[in-house]
All heavy atoms as atom14 arrays in JSON, in Angstrom:
{
  "sequence": "APVLTLEEALENEHLKARGTYIDDAGAQHCAPAPRFSRTPGKIRPTL",
  "atom14_mask": [
    [1, 1, 1, 1, 1, 0, 0, 0, 0, 0, 0, 0, 0, 0],
    [1, 1, 1, 1, 1, 1, 1, 0, 0, 0, 0, 0, 0, 0],
    [1, 1, 1, 1, 1, 1, 1, 0, 0, 0, 0, 0, 0, 0],
    [1, 1, 1, 1, 1, 1, 1, 1, 0, 0, 0, 0, 0, 0],
    [1, 1, 1, 1, 1, 1, 1, 0, 0, 0, 0, 0, 0, 0],
    [1, 1, 1, 1, 1, 1, 1, 1, 0, 0, 0, 0, 0, 0],
    [1, 1, 1, 1, 1, 1, 1, 1, 1, 0, 0, 0, 0, 0],
    [1, 1, 1, 1, 1, 1, 1, 1, 1, 0, 0, 0, 0, 0],
    [1, 1, 1, 1, 1, 0, 0, 0, 0, 0, 0, 0, 0, 0],
    [1, 1, 1, 1, 1, 1, 1, 1, 0, 0, 0, 0, 0, 0],
    [1, 1, 1, 1, 1, 1, 1, 1, 1, 0, 0, 0, 0, 0],
    [1, 1, 1, 1, 1, 1, 1, 1, 0, 0, 0, 0, 0, 0],
    [1, 1, 1, 1, 1, 1, 1, 1, 1, 0, 0, 0, 0, 0],
    [1, 1, 1, 1, 1, 1, 1, 1, 1, 1, 0, 0, 0, 0],
    [1, 1, 1, 1, 1, 1, 1, 1, 0, 0, 0, 0, 0, 0],
    [1, 1, 1, 1, 1, 1, 1, 1, 1, 0, 0, 0, 0, 0],
    [1, 1, 1, 1, 1, 0, 0, 0, 0, 0, 0, 0, 0, 0],
    [1, 1, 1, 1, 1, 1, 1, 1, 1, 1, 1, 0, 0, 0],
    [1, 1, 1, 1, 0, 0, 0, 0, 0, 0, 0, 0, 0, 0],
    [1, 1, 1, 1, 1, 1, 1, 0, 0, 0, 0, 0, 0, 0],
    [1, 1, 1, 1, 1, 1, 1, 1, 1, 1, 1, 1, 0, 0],
    [1, 1, 1, 1, 1, 1, 1, 1, 0, 0, 0, 0, 0, 0],
    [1, 1, 1, 1, 1, 1, 1, 1, 0, 0, 0, 0, 0, 0],
    [1, 1, 1, 1, 1, 1, 1, 1, 0, 0, 0, 0, 0, 0],
    [1, 1, 1, 1, 1, 0, 0, 0, 0, 0, 0, 0, 0, 0],
    [1, 1, 1, 1, 0, 0, 0, 0, 0, 0, 0, 0, 0, 0],
    [1, 1, 1, 1, 1, 0, 0, 0, 0, 0, 0, 0, 0, 0],
    [1, 1, 1, 1, 1, 1, 1, 1, 1, 0, 0, 0, 0, 0],
    [1, 1, 1, 1, 1, 1, 1, 1, 1, 1, 0, 0, 0, 0],
    [1, 1, 1, 1, 1, 1, 0, 0, 0, 0, 0, 0, 0, 0],
    [1, 1, 1, 1, 1, 0, 0, 0, 0, 0, 0, 0, 0, 0],
    [1, 1, 1, 1, 1, 1, 1, 0, 0, 0, 0, 0, 0, 0],
    [1, 1, 1, 1, 1, 0, 0, 0, 0, 0, 0, 0, 0, 0],
    [1, 1, 1, 1, 1, 1, 1, 0, 0, 0, 0, 0, 0, 0],
    [1, 1, 1, 1, 1, 1, 1, 1, 1, 1, 1, 0, 0, 0],
    [1, 1, 1, 1, 1, 1, 1, 1, 1, 1, 1, 0, 0, 0],
    [1, 1, 1, 1, 1, 1, 0, 0, 0, 0, 0, 0, 0, 0],
    [1, 1, 1, 1, 1, 1, 1, 1, 1, 1, 1, 0, 0, 0],
    [1, 1, 1, 1, 1, 1, 1, 0, 0, 0, 0, 0, 0, 0],
    [1, 1, 1, 1, 1, 1, 1, 0, 0, 0, 0, 0, 0, 0],
    [1, 1, 1, 1, 0, 0, 0, 0, 0, 0, 0, 0, 0, 0],
    [1, 1, 1, 1, 1, 1, 1, 1, 1, 0, 0, 0, 0, 0],
    [1, 1, 1, 1, 1, 1, 1, 1, 0, 0, 0, 0, 0, 0],
    [1, 1, 1, 1, 1, 1, 1, 1, 1, 1, 1, 0, 0, 0],
    [1, 1, 1, 1, 1, 1, 1, 0, 0, 0, 0, 0, 0, 0],
    [1, 1, 1, 1, 1, 1, 1, 0, 0, 0, 0, 0, 0, 0],
    [1, 1, 1, 1, 1, 1, 1, 1, 0, 0, 0, 0, 0, 0]
  ],
  "atom14_positions": [
    [[-61.23, -13.71, -23.59], [-62.17, -12.62, -23.84], [-63.19, -13.06, -24.88], [-62.85, -13.81, -25.8], [-61.44, -11.37, -24.33], [0.0, 0.0, 0.0], [0.0, 0.0, 0.0], [0.0, 0.0, 0.0], [0.0, 0.0, 0.0], [0.0, 0.0, 0.0], [0.0, 0.0, 0.0], [0.0, 0.0, 0.0], [0.0, 0.0, 0.0], [0.0, 0.0, 0.0]],
    [[-64.43, -12.61, -24.74], [-65.42, -12.95, -25.76], [-65.1, -12.27, -27.08], [-64.59, -11.15, -27.11], [-66.72, -12.41, -25.16], [-66.3, -11.3, -24.25], [-64.98, -11.74, -23.69], [0.0, 0.0, 0.0], [0.0, 0.0, 0.0], [0.0, 0.0, 0.0], [0.0, 0.0, 0.0], [0.0, 0.0, 0.0], [0.0, 0.0, 0.0], [0.0, 0.0, 0.0]],
    [[-65.39, -12.95, -28.18], [-65.23, -12.36, -29.51], [-66.5, -11.56, -29.79], [-67.56, -12.14, -30.03], [-65.0, -13.44, -30.58], [-64.91, -12.8, -31.96], [-63.74, -14.23, -30.28], [0.0, 0.0, 0.0], [0.0, 0.0, 0.0], [0.0, 0.0, 0.0], [0.0, 0.0, 0.0], [0.0, 0.0, 0.0], [0.0, 0.0, 0.0], [0.0, 0.0, 0.0]],
    [[-66.39, -10.25, -29.77], [-67.56, -9.38, -29.9], [-67.75, -8.93, -31.33], [-66.78, -8.7, -32.07], [-67.4, -8.15, -29.01], [-67.18, -8.38, -27.52], [-67.08, -7.03, -26.79], [-68.29, -9.23, -26.91], [0.0, 0.0, 0.0], [0.0, 0.0, 0.0], [0.0, 0.0, 0.0], [0.0, 0.0, 0.0], [0.0, 0.0, 0.0], [0.0, 0.0, 0.0]],
    [[-69.01, -8.79, -31.72], [-69.31, -8.11, -32.98], [-69.06, -6.62, -32.77], [-68.93, -6.15, -31.62], [-70.76, -8.33, -33.39], [-71.63, -7.72, -32.4], [-71.09, -9.82, -33.51], [0.0, 0.0, 0.0], [0.0, 0.0, 0.0], [0.0, 0.0, 0.0], [0.0, 0.0, 0.0], [0.0, 0.0, 0.0], [0.0, 0.0, 0.0], [0.0, 0.0, 0.0]],
    [[-69.01, -5.86, -33.85], [-68.81, -4.42, -33.7], [-69.93, -3.8, -32.89], [-69.69, -2.93, -32.04], [-68.73, -3.75, -35.08], [-68.52, -2.24, -35.08], [-67.25, -1.85, -34.33], [-68.45, -1.72, -36.51], [0.0, 0.0, 0.0], [0.0, 0.0, 0.0], [0.0, 0.0, 0.0], [0.0, 0.0, 0.0], [0.0, 0.0, 0.0], [0.0, 0.0, 0.0]],
    [[-71.15, -4.27, -33.11], [-72.29, -3.74, -32.35], [-72.13, -4.04, -30.85], [-72.43, -3.19, -30.01], [-73.6, -4.35, -32.87], [-74.02, -3.9, -34.26], [-73.19, -4.55, -35.37], [-72.52, -5.58, -35.1], [-73.2, -4.03, -36.5], [0.0, 0.0, 0.0], [0.0, 0.0, 0.0], [0.0, 0.0, 0.0], [0.0, 0.0, 0.0], [0.0, 0.0, 0.0]],
    [[-71.64, -5.22, -30.53], [-71.42, -5.56, -29.13], [-70.27, -4.76, -28.55], [-70.29, -4.36, -27.38], [-71.14, -7.05, -28.99], [-72.36, -7.94, -29.25], [-72.0, -9.41, -29.25], [-70.93, -9.77, -29.79], [-72.8, -10.21, -28.72], [0.0, 0.0, 0.0], [0.0, 0.0, 0.0], [0.0, 0.0, 0.0], [0.0, 0.0, 0.0], [0.0, 0.0, 0.0]],
    [[-69.24, -4.51, -29.34], [-68.09, -3.75, -28.87], [-68.5, -2.34, -28.44], [-67.96, -1.78, -27.48], [-67.02, -3.68, -29.95], [0.0, 0.0, 0.0], [0.0, 0.0, 0.0], [0.0, 0.0, 0.0], [0.0, 0.0, 0.0], [0.0, 0.0, 0.0], [0.0, 0.0, 0.0], [0.0, 0.0, 0.0], [0.0, 0.0, 0.0], [0.0, 0.0, 0.0]],
    [[-69.47, -1.79, -29.15], [-69.94, -0.43, -28.8], [-70.53, -0.38, -27.39], [-70.54, 0.68, -26.77], [-70.98, 0.04, -29.82], [-70.51, 0.21, -31.26], [-71.68, 0.54, -32.17], [-69.44, 1.29, -31.36], [0.0, 0.0, 0.0], [0.0, 0.0, 0.0], [0.0, 0.0, 0.0], [0.0, 0.0, 0.0], [0.0, 0.0, 0.0], [0.0, 0.0, 0.0]],
    [[-71.01, -1.52, -26.91], [-71.64, -1.58, -25.59], [-70.73, -2.22, -24.54], [-71.15, -2.42, -23.4], [-72.96, -2.36, -25.67], [-73.99, -1.75, -26.61], [-74.35, -0.33, -26.22], [-74.44, -0.05, -25.0], [-74.54, 0.51, -27.12], [0.0, 0.0, 0.0], [0.0, 0.0, 0.0], [0.0, 0.0, 0.0], [0.0, 0.0, 0.0], [0.0, 0.0, 0.0]],
    [[-69.51, -2.55, -24.9], [-68.61, -3.21, -23.97], [-68.26, -2.29, -22.81], [-67.95, -1.11, -22.99], [-67.34, -3.63, -24.71], [-66.32, -4.27, -23.78], [-65.37, -3.62, -23.35], [-66.5, -5.54, -23.46], [0.0, 0.0, 0.0], [0.0, 0.0, 0.0], [0.0, 0.0, 0.0], [0.0, 0.0, 0.0], [0.0, 0.0, 0.0], [0.0, 0.0, 0.0]],
    [[-68.29, -2.84, -21.6], [-68.08, -2.06, -20.39], [-66.73, -1.34, -20.38], [-66.63, -0.16, -20.04], [-68.19, -2.99, -19.17], [-67.99, -2.29, -17.84], [-68.06, -3.25, -16.67], [-67.74, -4.45, -16.86], [-68.42, -2.81, -15.57], [0.0, 0.0, 0.0], [0.0, 0.0, 0.0], [0.0, 0.0, 0.0], [0.0, 0.0, 0.0], [0.0, 0.0, 0.0]],
    [[-65.68, -2.05, -20.77], [-64.35, -1.45, -20.74], [-64.22, -0.33, -21.78], [-63.71, 0.75, -21.48], [-63.29, -2.53, -21.02], [-61.89, -2.01, -21.05], [-61.18, -1.69, -19.91], [-61.06, -1.72, -22.09], [-59.99, -1.23, -20.25], [-59.88, -1.24, -21.56], [0.0, 0.0, 0.0], [0.0, 0.0, 0.0], [0.0, 0.0, 0.0], [0.0, 0.0, 0.0]],
    [[-64.7, -0.6, -23.0], [-64.59, 0.4, -24.05], [-65.45, 1.62, -23.76], [-65.07, 2.76, -24.08], [-64.96, -0.21, -25.4], [-64.11, -1.41, -25.85], [-64.5, -1.85, -27.26], [-62.62, -1.08, -25.8], [0.0, 0.0, 0.0], [0.0, 0.0, 0.0], [0.0, 0.0, 0.0], [0.0, 0.0, 0.0], [0.0, 0.0, 0.0], [0.0, 0.0, 0.0]],
    [[-66.6, 1.39, -23.14], [-67.45, 2.53, -22.76], [-66.78, 3.36, -21.66], [-66.85, 4.59, -21.67], [-68.83, 2.04, -22.31], [-69.67, 1.47, -23.45], [-71.04, 1.02, -22.98], [-71.97, 2.19, -22.73], [-73.36, 1.75, -22.5], [0.0, 0.0, 0.0], [0.0, 0.0, 0.0], [0.0, 0.0, 0.0], [0.0, 0.0, 0.0], [0.0, 0.0, 0.0]],
    [[-66.14, 2.69, -20.71], [-65.47, 3.4, -19.62], [-64.34, 4.27, -20.16], [-64.09, 5.37, -19.66], [-64.93, 2.41, -18.59], [0.0, 0.0, 0.0], [0.0, 0.0, 0.0], [0.0, 0.0, 0.0], [0.0, 0.0, 0.0], [0.0, 0.0, 0.0], [0.0, 0.0, 0.0], [0.0, 0.0, 0.0], [0.0, 0.0, 0.0], [0.0, 0.0, 0.0]],
    [[-63.63, 3.8, -21.19], [-62.53, 4.56, -21.78], [-63.0, 5.55, -22.83], [-62.23, 6.42, -23.26], [-61.52, 3.61, -22.43], [-60.63, 2.91, -21.43], [-59.55, 2.11, -22.12], [-58.73, 2.91, -23.03], [-57.72, 3.7, -22.63], [-57.44, 3.83, -21.36], [-57.0, 4.37, -23.53], [0.0, 0.0, 0.0], [0.0, 0.0, 0.0], [0.0, 0.0, 0.0]],
    [[-64.26, 5.42, -23.28], [-64.72, 6.28, -24.36], [-64.05, 5.95, -25.67], [-63.75, 6.84, -26.49], [0.0, 0.0, 0.0], [0.0, 0.0, 0.0], [0.0, 0.0, 0.0], [0.0, 0.0, 0.0], [0.0, 0.0, 0.0], [0.0, 0.0, 0.0], [0.0, 0.0, 0.0], [0.0, 0.0, 0.0], [0.0, 0.0, 0.0], [0.0, 0.0, 0.0]],
    [[-63.79, 4.66, -25.9], [-63.12, 4.23, -27.13], [-63.96, 4.52, -28.35], [-63.44, 4.82, -29.42], [-62.78, 2.73, -27.03], [-61.92, 2.53, -25.9], [-62.09, 2.23, -28.29], [0.0, 0.0, 0.0], [0.0, 0.0, 0.0], [0.0, 0.0, 0.0], [0.0, 0.0, 0.0], [0.0, 0.0, 0.0], [0.0, 0.0, 0.0], [0.0, 0.0, 0.0]],
    [[-65.27, 4.41, -28.21], [-66.2, 4.78, -29.27], [-67.04, 5.96, -28.78], [-67.45, 6.01, -27.62], [-67.11, 3.61, -29.65], [-66.4, 2.51, -30.38], [-66.01, 1.34, -29.73], [-66.1, 2.62, -31.74], [-65.34, 0.33, -30.41], [-65.44, 1.62, -32.42], [-65.07, 0.47, -31.75], [-64.41, -0.52, -32.42], [0.0, 0.0, 0.0], [0.0, 0.0, 0.0]],
    [[-67.28, 6.9, -29.67], [-67.98, 8.13, -29.32], [-69.14, 8.34, -30.29], [-68.96, 8.25, -31.51], [-67.04, 9.35, -29.4], [-65.87, 9.17, -28.43], [-67.79, 10.65, -29.12], [-64.79, 10.23, -28.59], [0.0, 0.0, 0.0], [0.0, 0.0, 0.0], [0.0, 0.0, 0.0], [0.0, 0.0, 0.0], [0.0, 0.0, 0.0], [0.0, 0.0, 0.0]],
    [[-70.31, 8.62, -29.75], [-71.46, 8.96, -30.59], [-71.34, 10.42, -31.01], [-71.32, 11.32, -30.18], [-72.77, 8.73, -29.83], [-74.0, 8.92, -30.71], [-74.14, 9.99, -31.32], [-74.82, 7.99, -30.81], [0.0, 0.0, 0.0], [0.0, 0.0, 0.0], [0.0, 0.0, 0.0], [0.0, 0.0, 0.0], [0.0, 0.0, 0.0], [0.0, 0.0, 0.0]],
    [[-71.22, 10.62, -32.31], [-71.09, 11.98, -32.83], [-72.12, 12.16, -33.94], [-72.0, 11.57, -35.01], [-69.68, 12.22, -33.37], [-69.45, 13.66, -33.81], [-69.21, 14.51, -32.94], [-69.55, 13.91, -35.02], [0.0, 0.0, 0.0], [0.0, 0.0, 0.0], [0.0, 0.0, 0.0], [0.0, 0.0, 0.0], [0.0, 0.0, 0.0], [0.0, 0.0, 0.0]],
    [[-73.14, 12.94, -33.66], [-74.22, 13.2, -34.62], [-74.85, 11.9, -35.13], [-75.18, 11.77, -36.31], [-73.7, 14.02, -35.8], [0.0, 0.0, 0.0], [0.0, 0.0, 0.0], [0.0, 0.0, 0.0], [0.0, 0.0, 0.0], [0.0, 0.0, 0.0], [0.0, 0.0, 0.0], [0.0, 0.0, 0.0], [0.0, 0.0, 0.0], [0.0, 0.0, 0.0]],
    [[-75.0, 10.94, -34.22], [-75.66, 9.69, -34.58], [-74.76, 8.63, -35.15], [-75.18, 7.49, -35.36], [0.0, 0.0, 0.0], [0.0, 0.0, 0.0], [0.0, 0.0, 0.0], [0.0, 0.0, 0.0], [0.0, 0.0, 0.0], [0.0, 0.0, 0.0], [0.0, 0.0, 0.0], [0.0, 0.0, 0.0], [0.0, 0.0, 0.0], [0.0, 0.0, 0.0]],
    [[-73.5, 8.96, -35.42], [-72.54, 7.97, -35.94], [-71.6, 7.55, -34.81], [-71.18, 8.38, -34.0], [-71.75, 8.56, -37.1], [0.0, 0.0, 0.0], [0.0, 0.0, 0.0], [0.0, 0.0, 0.0], [0.0, 0.0, 0.0], [0.0, 0.0, 0.0], [0.0, 0.0, 0.0], [0.0, 0.0, 0.0], [0.0, 0.0, 0.0], [0.0, 0.0, 0.0]],
    [[-71.28, 6.26, -34.77], [-70.38, 5.75, -33.75], [-68.94, 5.87, -34.23], [-68.48, 5.09, -35.05], [-70.73, 4.3, -33.42], [-72.12, 4.11, -32.82], [-72.26, 4.81, -31.47], [-71.3, 4.92, -30.72], [-73.46, 5.29, -31.17], [0.0, 0.0, 0.0], [0.0, 0.0, 0.0], [0.0, 0.0, 0.0], [0.0, 0.0, 0.0], [0.0, 0.0, 0.0]],
    [[-68.25, 6.87, -33.71], [-66.88, 7.14, -34.14], [-65.87, 6.48, -33.2], [-66.11, 6.39, -31.99], [-66.6, 8.66, -34.12], [-67.18, 9.39, -35.27], [-66.41, 9.91, -36.29], [-68.47, 9.72, -35.57], [-67.19, 10.51, -37.17], [-68.45, 10.42, -36.75], [0.0, 0.0, 0.0], [0.0, 0.0, 0.0], [0.0, 0.0, 0.0], [0.0, 0.0, 0.0]],
    [[-64.75, 6.05, -33.75], [-63.61, 5.69, -32.91], [-63.03, 6.97, -32.35], [-62.95, 7.99, -33.03], [-62.56, 4.93, -33.73], [-62.09, 5.77, -35.27], [0.0, 0.0, 0.0], [0.0, 0.0, 0.0], [0.0, 0.0, 0.0], [0.0, 0.0, 0.0], [0.0, 0.0, 0.0], [0.0, 0.0, 0.0], [0.0, 0.0, 0.0], [0.0, 0.0, 0.0]],
    [[-62.64, 6.94, -31.1], [-62.05, 8.12, -30.47], [-60.66, 8.38, -31.05], [-59.98, 7.46, -31.5], [-61.95, 7.92, -28.97], [0.0, 0.0, 0.0], [0.0, 0.0, 0.0], [0.0, 0.0, 0.0], [0.0, 0.0, 0.0], [0.0, 0.0, 0.0], [0.0, 0.0, 0.0], [0.0, 0.0, 0.0], [0.0, 0.0, 0.0], [0.0, 0.0, 0.0]],
    [[-60.22, 9.64, -31.08], [-58.85, 9.92, -31.53], [-57.83, 9.14, -30.72], [-57.97, 8.97, -29.51], [-58.71, 11.43, -31.29], [-60.11, 11.96, -31.38], [-60.96, 10.88, -30.77], [0.0, 0.0, 0.0], [0.0, 0.0, 0.0], [0.0, 0.0, 0.0], [0.0, 0.0, 0.0], [0.0, 0.0, 0.0], [0.0, 0.0, 0.0], [0.0, 0.0, 0.0]],
    [[-56.82, 8.64, -31.39], [-55.79, 7.85, -30.74], [-54.43, 8.19, -31.35], [-54.35, 8.52, -32.53], [-56.08, 6.35, -30.92], [0.0, 0.0, 0.0], [0.0, 0.0, 0.0], [0.0, 0.0, 0.0], [0.0, 0.0, 0.0], [0.0, 0.0, 0.0], [0.0, 0.0, 0.0], [0.0, 0.0, 0.0], [0.0, 0.0, 0.0], [0.0, 0.0, 0.0]],
    [[-53.35, 8.14, -30.56], [-53.33, 7.84, -29.13], [-53.81, 9.02, -28.31], [-54.16, 10.06, -28.87], [-51.85, 7.53, -28.88], [-51.14, 8.4, -29.87], [-52.0, 8.37, -31.1], [0.0, 0.0, 0.0], [0.0, 0.0, 0.0], [0.0, 0.0, 0.0], [0.0, 0.0, 0.0], [0.0, 0.0, 0.0], [0.0, 0.0, 0.0], [0.0, 0.0, 0.0]],
    [[-53.78, 8.88, -26.99], [-54.31, 9.92, -26.1], [-53.18, 10.74, -25.49], [-52.15, 10.19, -25.11], [-55.15, 9.26, -25.02], [-56.26, 8.41, -25.62], [-57.21, 7.86, -24.61], [-58.2, 7.01, -25.26], [-59.35, 6.66, -24.74], [-59.67, 7.08, -23.52], [-60.19, 5.88, -25.4], [0.0, 0.0, 0.0], [0.0, 0.0, 0.0], [0.0, 0.0, 0.0]],
    [[-53.41, 12.02, -25.42], [-52.4, 12.95, -24.9], [-52.91, 13.6, -23.62], [-54.09, 13.97, -23.53], [-52.09, 14.04, -25.93], [-51.42, 13.52, -27.19], [-52.14, 12.88, -28.17], [-50.06, 13.68, -27.36], [-51.53, 12.4, -29.32], [-49.43, 13.21, -28.5], [-50.17, 12.56, -29.49], [0.0, 0.0, 0.0], [0.0, 0.0, 0.0], [0.0, 0.0, 0.0]],
    [[-52.03, 13.79, -22.65], [-52.45, 14.35, -21.37], [-52.73, 15.84, -21.45], [-53.64, 16.35, -20.78], [-51.38, 14.09, -20.31], [-50.16, 14.73, -20.65], [0.0, 0.0, 0.0], [0.0, 0.0, 0.0], [0.0, 0.0, 0.0], [0.0, 0.0, 0.0], [0.0, 0.0, 0.0], [0.0, 0.0, 0.0], [0.0, 0.0, 0.0], [0.0, 0.0, 0.0]],
    [[-51.98, 16.55, -22.29], [-52.09, 18.01, -22.34], [-52.79, 18.52, -23.59], [-53.48, 19.55, -23.54], [-50.69, 18.63, -22.22], [-50.68, 20.14, -22.09], [-49.28, 20.67, -21.81], [-48.31, 20.22, -22.8], [-48.16, 20.79, -24.0], [-48.91, 21.81, -24.36], [-47.25, 20.32, -24.84], [0.0, 0.0, 0.0], [0.0, 0.0, 0.0], [0.0, 0.0, 0.0]],
    [[-52.62, 17.85, -24.7], [-53.21, 18.3, -25.96], [-54.04, 17.16, -26.58], [-53.64, 16.58, -27.6], [-52.12, 18.74, -26.95], [-51.2, 17.65, -27.15], [-51.36, 19.95, -26.42], [0.0, 0.0, 0.0], [0.0, 0.0, 0.0], [0.0, 0.0, 0.0], [0.0, 0.0, 0.0], [0.0, 0.0, 0.0], [0.0, 0.0, 0.0], [0.0, 0.0, 0.0]],
    [[-55.16, 16.83, -25.98], [-55.93, 15.68, -26.48], [-56.48, 15.92, -27.88], [-56.73, 17.05, -28.29], [-57.06, 15.57, -25.46], [-57.22, 16.95, -24.89], [-55.82, 17.5, -24.85], [0.0, 0.0, 0.0], [0.0, 0.0, 0.0], [0.0, 0.0, 0.0], [0.0, 0.0, 0.0], [0.0, 0.0, 0.0], [0.0, 0.0, 0.0], [0.0, 0.0, 0.0]],
    [[-56.64, 14.81, -28.62], [-57.26, 14.88, -29.94], [-58.74, 15.17, -29.84], [-59.34, 15.12, -28.77], [0.0, 0.0, 0.0], [0.0, 0.0, 0.0], [0.0, 0.0, 0.0], [0.0, 0.0, 0.0], [0.0, 0.0, 0.0], [0.0, 0.0, 0.0], [0.0, 0.0, 0.0], [0.0, 0.0, 0.0], [0.0, 0.0, 0.0], [0.0, 0.0, 0.0]],
    [[-59.33, 15.48, -30.98], [-60.74, 15.86, -30.99], [-61.34, 15.48, -32.33], [-60.71, 15.64, -33.38], [-60.86, 17.38, -30.77], [-62.29, 17.9, -30.8], [-62.3, 19.43, -30.61], [-63.71, 19.98, -30.67], [-63.71, 21.45, -30.54], [0.0, 0.0, 0.0], [0.0, 0.0, 0.0], [0.0, 0.0, 0.0], [0.0, 0.0, 0.0], [0.0, 0.0, 0.0]],
    [[-62.56, 14.94, -32.29], [-63.28, 14.67, -33.52], [-63.81, 15.99, -34.08], [-64.52, 16.73, -33.4], [-64.46, 13.7, -33.27], [-63.92, 12.32, -32.88], [-65.35, 13.59, -34.5], [-64.99, 11.34, -32.51], [0.0, 0.0, 0.0], [0.0, 0.0, 0.0], [0.0, 0.0, 0.0], [0.0, 0.0, 0.0], [0.0, 0.0, 0.0], [0.0, 0.0, 0.0]],
    [[-63.43, 16.27, -35.31], [-63.83, 17.52, -35.95], [-64.73, 17.22, -37.14], [-64.56, 16.21, -37.82], [-62.59, 18.3, -36.39], [-61.73, 18.76, -35.23], [-60.39, 19.31, -35.68], [-59.66, 19.93, -34.6], [-58.96, 19.26, -33.69], [-58.87, 17.94, -33.77], [-58.33, 19.89, -32.71], [0.0, 0.0, 0.0], [0.0, 0.0, 0.0], [0.0, 0.0, 0.0]],
    [[-65.67, 18.11, -37.43], [-66.57, 17.87, -38.56], [-65.89, 18.1, -39.9], [-64.8, 18.68, -39.97], [-67.69, 18.89, -38.34], [-66.99, 20.03, -37.63], [-65.98, 19.38, -36.74], [0.0, 0.0, 0.0], [0.0, 0.0, 0.0], [0.0, 0.0, 0.0], [0.0, 0.0, 0.0], [0.0, 0.0, 0.0], [0.0, 0.0, 0.0], [0.0, 0.0, 0.0]],
    [[-66.51, 17.64, -40.95], [-66.06, 17.93, -42.31], [-66.73, 19.22, -42.77], [-67.96, 19.36, -42.66], [-66.42, 16.77, -43.25], [-65.75, 15.6, -42.8], [-65.98, 17.08, -44.68], [0.0, 0.0, 0.0], [0.0, 0.0, 0.0], [0.0, 0.0, 0.0], [0.0, 0.0, 0.0], [0.0, 0.0, 0.0], [0.0, 0.0, 0.0], [0.0, 0.0, 0.0]],
    [[-65.94, 20.16, -43.26], [-66.45, 21.49, -43.58], [-66.1, 21.89, -45.0], [-65.19, 21.33, -45.62], [-65.87, 22.52, -42.61], [-66.11, 22.29, -41.11], [-65.26, 23.24, -40.3], [-67.59, 22.44, -40.78], [0.0, 0.0, 0.0], [0.0, 0.0, 0.0], [0.0, 0.0, 0.0], [0.0, 0.0, 0.0], [0.0, 0.0, 0.0], [0.0, 0.0, 0.0]]
  ]
}
């Protein structure tokens, strides 16, 4: 596998297909992990 920079990882075909990184208000967030079939995680704002 190619050794990707973080910037390249954001554009990687596999990671994009899985939604491993998520654009949230202009910031590239890691998706919640692990993944649940019935009660999935969610990125929540700071309040």
